[in-house]
């Protein structure tokens, strides 16, 4: 099970969102890469992603995350 899944599982069981200190470097690396990608992406990519998110939010569909899909 990955660090993100463990974080989500803790949030579901403990109702507290936290990342273990040992997992921080992984999350930091992922967020830095996401920031890098966002910084170089053309404006239309940002716009299309925002529109897609708005459509998903309005659709009423459930979360695609595995923990949510299991019904926890």
PDB file of N, CA and C in Angstrom:
ATOM      1  N   UNK A   1       0.851  -1.182   0.000  1.00  0.00           N
ATOM      2  CA  UNK A   1       0.000   0.000   0.000  1.00  0.00           C
ATOM      3  C   UNK A   1       0.894   1.241   0.000  1.00  0.00           C
ATOM      4  N   UNK A   2       0.550   2.224  -0.785  1.00  0.00           N
ATOM      5  CA  UNK A   2       1.352   3.417  -0.919  1.00  0.00           C
ATOM      6  C   UNK A   2       1.130   4.420   0.198  1.00  0.00           C
ATOM      7  N   UNK A   3       2.025   5.400   0.262  1.00  0.00           N
ATOM      8  CA  UNK A   3       1.968   6.414   1.311  1.00  0.00           C
ATOM      9  C   UNK A   3       0.655   7.193   1.276  1.00  0.00           C
ATOM     10  N   UNK A   4       0.183   7.529   0.083  1.00  0.00           N
ATOM     11  CA  UNK A   4      -1.069   8.277  -0.016  1.00  0.00           C
ATOM     12  C   UNK A   4      -2.244   7.444   0.482  1.00  0.00           C
ATOM     13  N   UNK A   5      -2.256   6.184   0.125  1.00  0.00           N
ATOM     14  CA  UNK A   5      -3.338   5.305   0.576  1.00  0.00           C
ATOM     15  C   UNK A   5      -3.312   5.163   2.100  1.00  0.00           C
ATOM     16  N   UNK A   6      -2.118   5.062   2.679  1.00  0.00           N
ATOM     17  CA  UNK A   6      -2.012   4.988   4.149  1.00  0.00           C
ATOM     18  C   UNK A   6      -2.522   6.275   4.786  1.00  0.00           C
ATOM     19  N   UNK A   7      -2.198   7.395   4.190  1.00  0.00           N
ATOM     20  CA  UNK A   7      -2.668   8.693   4.697  1.00  0.00           C
ATOM     21  C   UNK A   7      -4.192   8.760   4.645  1.00  0.00           C
ATOM     22  N   UNK A   8      -4.777   8.330   3.537  1.00  0.00           N
ATOM     23  CA  UNK A   8      -6.238   8.321   3.408  1.00  0.00           C
ATOM     24  C   UNK A   8      -6.879   7.364   4.407  1.00  0.00           C
ATOM     25  N   UNK A   9      -6.260   6.230   4.613  1.00  0.00           N
ATOM     26  CA  UNK A   9      -6.791   5.257   5.560  1.00  0.00           C
ATOM     27  C   UNK A   9      -6.783   5.826   6.983  1.00  0.00           C
ATOM     28  N   UNK A  10      -5.694   6.498   7.358  1.00  0.00           N
ATOM     29  CA  UNK A  10      -5.638   7.130   8.682  1.00  0.00           C
ATOM     30  C   UNK A  10      -6.714   8.197   8.815  1.00  0.00           C
ATOM     31  N   UNK A  11      -6.917   8.962   7.764  1.00  0.00           N
ATOM     32  CA  UNK A  11      -7.940  10.004   7.806  1.00  0.00           C
ATOM     33  C   UNK A  11      -9.326   9.401   8.020  1.00  0.00           C
ATOM     34  N   UNK A  12      -9.579   8.266   7.400  1.00  0.00           N
ATOM     35  CA  UNK A  12     -10.878   7.610   7.548  1.00  0.00           C
ATOM     36  C   UNK A  12     -11.065   7.023   8.935  1.00  0.00           C
ATOM     37  N   UNK A  13     -10.036   6.398   9.471  1.00  0.00           N
ATOM     38  CA  UNK A  13     -10.187   5.714  10.759  1.00  0.00           C
ATOM     39  C   UNK A  13     -10.023   6.657  11.945  1.00  0.00           C
ATOM     40  N   UNK A  14      -9.089   7.595  11.860  1.00  0.00           N
ATOM     41  CA  UNK A  14      -8.800   8.495  12.981  1.00  0.00           C
ATOM     42  C   UNK A  14      -9.464   9.864  12.839  1.00  0.00           C
ATOM     43  N   UNK A  15      -9.982  10.144  11.640  1.00  0.00           N
ATOM     44  CA  UNK A  15     -10.573  11.455  11.339  1.00  0.00           C
ATOM     45  C   UNK A  15      -9.568  12.591  11.504  1.00  0.00           C
ATOM     46  N   UNK A  16      -8.295  12.241  11.320  1.00  0.00           N
ATOM     47  CA  UNK A  16      -7.221  13.230  11.392  1.00  0.00           C
ATOM     48  C   UNK A  16      -6.350  13.063  10.155  1.00  0.00           C
ATOM     49  N   UNK A  17      -6.168  14.168   9.435  1.00  0.00           N
ATOM     50  CA  UNK A  17      -5.295  14.131   8.265  1.00  0.00           C
ATOM     51  C   UNK A  17      -3.872  14.430   8.716  1.00  0.00           C
ATOM     52  N   UNK A  18      -2.971  13.472   8.508  1.00  0.00           N
ATOM     53  CA  UNK A  18      -1.561  13.698   8.811  1.00  0.00           C
ATOM     54  C   UNK A  18      -0.719  12.779   7.944  1.00  0.00           C
ATOM     55  N   UNK A  19       0.497  13.223   7.738  1.00  0.00           N
ATOM     56  CA  UNK A  19       1.471  12.434   6.990  1.00  0.00           C
ATOM     57  C   UNK A  19       2.579  12.080   7.966  1.00  0.00           C
ATOM     58  N   UNK A  20       2.945  10.821   8.039  1.00  0.00           N
ATOM     59  CA  UNK A  20       4.041  10.405   8.905  1.00  0.00           C
ATOM     60  C   UNK A  20       5.338  11.059   8.447  1.00  0.00           C
ATOM     61  N   UNK A  21       6.195  11.352   9.408  1.00  0.00           N
ATOM     62  CA  UNK A  21       7.472  12.010   9.105  1.00  0.00           C
ATOM     63  C   UNK A  21       8.285  11.216   8.087  1.00  0.00           C
ATOM     64  N   UNK A  22       8.234   9.910   8.165  1.00  0.00           N
ATOM     65  CA  UNK A  22       9.003   9.074   7.235  1.00  0.00           C
ATOM     66  C   UNK A  22       8.494   9.204   5.796  1.00  0.00           C
ATOM     67  N   UNK A  23       7.237   9.603   5.642  1.00  0.00           N
ATOM     68  CA  UNK A  23       6.641   9.726   4.305  1.00  0.00           C
ATOM     69  C   UNK A  23       6.777  11.136   3.731  1.00  0.00           C
ATOM     70  N   UNK A  24       7.204  12.090   4.533  1.00  0.00           N
ATOM     71  CA  UNK A  24       7.291  13.476   4.074  1.00  0.00           C
ATOM     72  C   UNK A  24       8.175  13.659   2.845  1.00  0.00           C
ATOM     73  N   UNK A  25       9.361  13.036   2.769  1.00  0.00           N
ATOM     74  CA  UNK A  25      10.185  13.235   1.565  1.00  0.00           C
ATOM     75  C   UNK A  25       9.469  12.792   0.279  1.00  0.00           C
ATOM     76  N   UNK A  26       8.699  11.725   0.352  1.00  0.00           N
ATOM     77  CA  UNK A  26       7.966  11.263  -0.824  1.00  0.00           C
ATOM     78  C   UNK A  26       6.922  12.295  -1.241  1.00  0.00           C
ATOM     79  N   UNK A  27       6.125  12.774  -0.283  1.00  0.00           N
ATOM     80  CA  UNK A  27       5.117  13.779  -0.600  1.00  0.00           C
ATOM     81  C   UNK A  27       5.763  15.060  -1.102  1.00  0.00           C
ATOM     82  N   UNK A  28       6.877  15.447  -0.506  1.00  0.00           N
ATOM     83  CA  UNK A  28       7.583  16.646  -0.945  1.00  0.00           C
ATOM     84  C   UNK A  28       8.027  16.503  -2.403  1.00  0.00           C
ATOM     85  N   UNK A  29       8.586  15.354  -2.746  1.00  0.00           N
ATOM     86  CA  UNK A  29       9.045  15.123  -4.121  1.00  0.00           C
ATOM     87  C   UNK A  29       7.877  15.149  -5.106  1.00  0.00           C
ATOM     88  N   UNK A  30       6.765  14.543  -4.723  1.00  0.00           N
ATOM     89  CA  UNK A  30       5.584  14.525  -5.601  1.00  0.00           C
ATOM     90  C   UNK A  30       5.059  15.941  -5.803  1.00  0.00           C
ATOM     91  N   UNK A  31       4.961  16.703  -4.724  1.00  0.00           N
ATOM     92  CA  UNK A  31       4.454  18.072  -4.835  1.00  0.00           C
ATOM     93  C   UNK A  31       5.404  18.971  -5.628  1.00  0.00           C
ATOM     94  N   UNK A  32       6.697  18.782  -5.466  1.00  0.00           N
ATOM     95  CA  UNK A  32       7.660  19.572  -6.241  1.00  0.00           C
ATOM     96  C   UNK A  32       7.543  19.263  -7.734  1.00  0.00           C
ATOM     97  N   UNK A  33       7.356  17.995  -8.064  1.00  0.00           N
ATOM     98  CA  UNK A  33       7.197  17.627  -9.474  1.00  0.00           C
ATOM     99  C   UNK A  33       5.892  18.194 -10.023  1.00  0.00           C
ATOM    100  N   UNK A  34       4.824  18.137  -9.234  1.00  0.00           N
ATOM    101  CA  UNK A  34       3.551  18.708  -9.675  1.00  0.00           C
ATOM    102  C   UNK A  34       3.692  20.214  -9.900  1.00  0.00           C
ATOM    103  N   UNK A  35       4.363  20.899  -8.998  1.00  0.00           N
ATOM    104  CA  UNK A  35       4.600  22.340  -9.165  1.00  0.00           C
ATOM    105  C   UNK A  35       5.393  22.617 -10.434  1.00  0.00           C
ATOM    106  N   UNK A  36       6.408  21.789 -10.695  1.00  0.00           N
ATOM    107  CA  UNK A  36       7.224  21.982 -11.896  1.00  0.00           C
ATOM    108  C   UNK A  36       6.374  21.822 -13.149  1.00  0.00           C
ATOM    109  N   UNK A  37       5.535  20.789 -13.153  1.00  0.00           N
ATOM    110  CA  UNK A  37       4.681  20.545 -14.312  1.00  0.00           C
ATOM    111  C   UNK A  37       3.670  21.663 -14.515  1.00  0.00           C
ATOM    112  N   UNK A  38       3.102  22.148 -13.423  1.00  0.00           N
ATOM    113  CA  UNK A  38       2.143  23.248 -13.531  1.00  0.00           C
ATOM    114  C   UNK A  38       2.804  24.520 -14.059  1.00  0.00           C
ATOM    115  N   UNK A  39       4.036  24.750 -13.647  1.00  0.00           N
ATOM    116  CA  UNK A  39       4.736  25.960 -14.054  1.00  0.00           C
ATOM    117  C   UNK A  39       5.027  25.993 -15.553  1.00  0.00           C
ATOM    118  N   UNK A  40       5.213  24.832 -16.167  1.00  0.00           N
ATOM    119  CA  UNK A  40       5.557  24.816 -17.586  1.00  0.00           C
ATOM    120  C   UNK A  40       4.372  24.493 -18.498  1.00  0.00           C
ATOM    121  N   UNK A  41       3.235  24.157 -17.914  1.00  0.00           N
ATOM    122  CA  UNK A  41       2.068  23.807 -18.729  1.00  0.00           C
ATOM    123  C   UNK A  41       1.464  25.059 -19.360  1.00  0.00           C
ATOM    124  N   UNK A  42       1.034  24.948 -20.603  1.00  0.00           N
ATOM    125  CA  UNK A  42       0.377  26.091 -21.251  1.00  0.00           C
ATOM    126  C   UNK A  42      -0.929  26.448 -20.545  1.00  0.00           C
ATOM    127  N   UNK A  43      -1.343  27.686 -20.694  1.00  0.00           N
ATOM    128  CA  UNK A  43      -2.545  28.185 -20.038  1.00  0.00           C
ATOM    129  C   UNK A  43      -3.782  27.346 -20.393  1.00  0.00           C
ATOM    130  N   UNK A  44      -3.904  26.897 -21.631  1.00  0.00           N
ATOM    131  CA  UNK A  44      -5.086  26.135 -22.023  1.00  0.00           C
ATOM    132  C   UNK A  44      -5.193  24.813 -21.260  1.00  0.00           C
ATOM    133  N   UNK A  45      -4.053  24.248 -20.868  1.00  0.00           N
ATOM    134  CA  UNK A  45      -4.068  23.004 -20.098  1.00  0.00           C
ATOM    135  C   UNK A  45      -4.678  23.258 -18.716  1.00  0.00           C
ATOM    136  N   UNK A  46      -4.301  24.363 -18.101  1.00  0.00           N
ATOM    137  CA  UNK A  46      -4.883  24.728 -16.806  1.00  0.00           C
ATOM    138  C   UNK A  46      -6.392  24.944 -16.939  1.00  0.00           C
ATOM    139  N   UNK A  47      -6.775  25.659 -17.981  1.00  0.00           N
ATOM    140  CA  UNK A  47      -8.186  25.951 -18.199  1.00  0.00           C
ATOM    141  C   UNK A  47      -8.983  24.661 -18.415  1.00  0.00           C
ATOM    142  N   UNK A  48      -8.488  23.771 -19.266  1.00  0.00           N
ATOM    143  CA  UNK A  48      -9.198  22.519 -19.540  1.00  0.00           C
ATOM    144  C   UNK A  48      -9.294  21.648 -18.284  1.00  0.00           C
ATOM    145  N   UNK A  49      -8.237  21.624 -17.483  1.00  0.00           N
ATOM    146  CA  UNK A  49      -8.265  20.828 -16.244  1.00  0.00           C
ATOM    147  C   UNK A  49      -9.302  21.390 -15.273  1.00  0.00           C
ATOM    148  N   UNK A  50      -9.376  22.714 -15.175  1.00  0.00           N
ATOM    149  CA  UNK A  50     -10.365  23.334 -14.289  1.00  0.00           C
ATOM    150  C   UNK A  50     -11.778  23.036 -14.756  1.00  0.00           C
ATOM    151  N   UNK A  51     -12.006  23.108 -16.050  1.00  0.00           N
ATOM    152  CA  UNK A  51     -13.331  22.815 -16.589  1.00  0.00           C
ATOM    153  C   UNK A  51     -13.702  21.350 -16.358  1.00  0.00           C
ATOM    154  N   UNK A  52     -12.757  20.451 -16.536  1.00  0.00           N
ATOM    155  CA  UNK A  52     -13.006  19.028 -16.299  1.00  0.00           C
ATOM    156  C   UNK A  52     -13.347  18.780 -14.828  1.00  0.00           C
ATOM    157  N   UNK A  53     -12.628  19.435 -13.928  1.00  0.00           N
ATOM    158  CA  UNK A  53     -12.915  19.292 -12.501  1.00  0.00           C
ATOM    159  C   UNK A  53     -14.308  19.824 -12.172  1.00  0.00           C
ATOM    160  N   UNK A  54     -14.674  20.943 -12.756  1.00  0.00           N
ATOM    161  CA  UNK A  54     -16.015  21.499 -12.515  1.00  0.00           C
ATOM    162  C   UNK A  54     -17.101  20.547 -13.002  1.00  0.00           C
ATOM    163  N   UNK A  55     -16.880  19.928 -14.169  1.00  0.00           N
ATOM    164  CA  UNK A  55     -17.866  18.968 -14.683  1.00  0.00           C
ATOM    165  C   UNK A  55     -17.975  17.754 -13.770  1.00  0.00           C
ATOM    166  N   UNK A  56     -16.828  17.259 -13.290  1.00  0.00           N
ATOM    167  CA  UNK A  56     -16.847  16.105 -12.393  1.00  0.00           C
ATOM    168  C   UNK A  56     -17.572  16.454 -11.096  1.00  0.00           C
ATOM    169  N   UNK A  57     -17.273  17.603 -10.533  1.00  0.00           N
ATOM    170  CA  UNK A  57     -17.907  18.012  -9.277  1.00  0.00           C
ATOM    171  C   UNK A  57     -19.419  18.138  -9.430  1.00  0.00           C
ATOM    172  N   UNK A  58     -19.866  18.592 -10.580  1.00  0.00           N
ATOM    173  CA  UNK A  58     -21.297  18.757 -10.819  1.00  0.00           C
ATOM    174  C   UNK A  58     -21.984  17.449 -11.206  1.00  0.00           C
ATOM    175  N   UNK A  59     -21.215  16.419 -11.526  1.00  0.00           N
ATOM    176  CA  UNK A  59     -21.797  15.174 -12.033  1.00  0.00           C
ATOM    177  C   UNK A  59     -22.427  14.303 -10.950  1.00  0.00           C
ATOM    178  N   UNK A  60     -21.991  14.474  -9.710  1.00  0.00           N
ATOM    179  CA  UNK A  60     -22.500  13.628  -8.642  1.00  0.00           C
ATOM    180  C   UNK A  60     -21.835  12.268  -8.572  1.00  0.00           C
ATOM    181  N   UNK A  61     -20.865  12.006  -9.446  1.00  0.00           N
ATOM    182  CA  UNK A  61     -20.147  10.729  -9.409  1.00  0.00           C
ATOM    183  C   UNK A  61     -19.281  10.666  -8.159  1.00  0.00           C
ATOM    184  N   UNK A  62     -19.028   9.444  -7.690  1.00  0.00           N
ATOM    185  CA  UNK A  62     -18.197   9.247  -6.513  1.00  0.00           C
ATOM    186  C   UNK A  62     -16.725   9.453  -6.810  1.00  0.00           C
ATOM    187  N   UNK A  63     -15.964   9.515  -5.756  1.00  0.00           N
ATOM    188  CA  UNK A  63     -14.524   9.706  -5.874  1.00  0.00           C
ATOM    189  C   UNK A  63     -13.873   8.519  -6.555  1.00  0.00           C
ATOM    190  N   UNK A  64     -12.901   8.768  -7.427  1.00  0.00           N
ATOM    191  CA  UNK A  64     -12.179   7.664  -8.061  1.00  0.00           C
ATOM    192  C   UNK A  64     -11.082   7.086  -7.172  1.00  0.00           C
ATOM    193  N   UNK A  65     -10.857   7.659  -5.989  1.00  0.00           N
ATOM    194  CA  UNK A  65      -9.834   7.132  -5.090  1.00  0.00           C
ATOM    195  C   UNK A  65     -10.240   5.766  -4.576  1.00  0.00           C
ATOM    196  N   UNK A  66      -9.272   4.865  -4.459  1.00  0.00           N
ATOM    197  CA  UNK A  66      -9.562   3.480  -4.079  1.00  0.00           C
ATOM    198  C   UNK A  66     -10.284   3.378  -2.745  1.00  0.00           C
ATOM    199  N   UNK A  67      -9.868   4.147  -1.740  1.00  0.00           N
ATOM    200  CA  UNK A  67     -10.501   4.034  -0.427  1.00  0.00           C
ATOM    201  C   UNK A  67     -11.951   4.465  -0.484  1.00  0.00           C
ATOM    202  N   UNK A  68     -12.258   5.466  -1.273  1.00  0.00           N
ATOM    203  CA  UNK A  68     -13.642   5.910  -1.400  1.00  0.00           C
ATOM    204  C   UNK A  68     -14.453   4.890  -2.186  1.00  0.00           C
ATOM    205  N   UNK A  69     -13.822   4.259  -3.164  1.00  0.00           N
ATOM    206  CA  UNK A  69     -14.512   3.276  -3.989  1.00  0.00           C
ATOM    207  C   UNK A  69     -14.887   2.037  -3.177  1.00  0.00           C
ATOM    208  N   UNK A  70     -14.097   1.755  -2.135  1.00  0.00           N
ATOM    209  CA  UNK A  70     -14.416   0.604  -1.277  1.00  0.00           C
ATOM    210  C   UNK A  70     -15.589   0.906  -0.366  1.00  0.00           C
ATOM    211  N   UNK A  71     -16.005   2.168  -0.285  1.00  0.00           N
ATOM    212  CA  UNK A  71     -17.153   2.521   0.530  1.00  0.00           C
ATOM    213  C   UNK A  71     -16.837   2.791   1.973  1.00  0.00           C
ATOM    214  N   UNK A  72     -15.600   3.160   2.271  1.00  0.00           N
ATOM    215  CA  UNK A  72     -15.217   3.451   3.654  1.00  0.00           C
ATOM    216  C   UNK A  72     -15.547   4.861   3.994  1.00  0.00           C
TER     217      UNK A  72
END
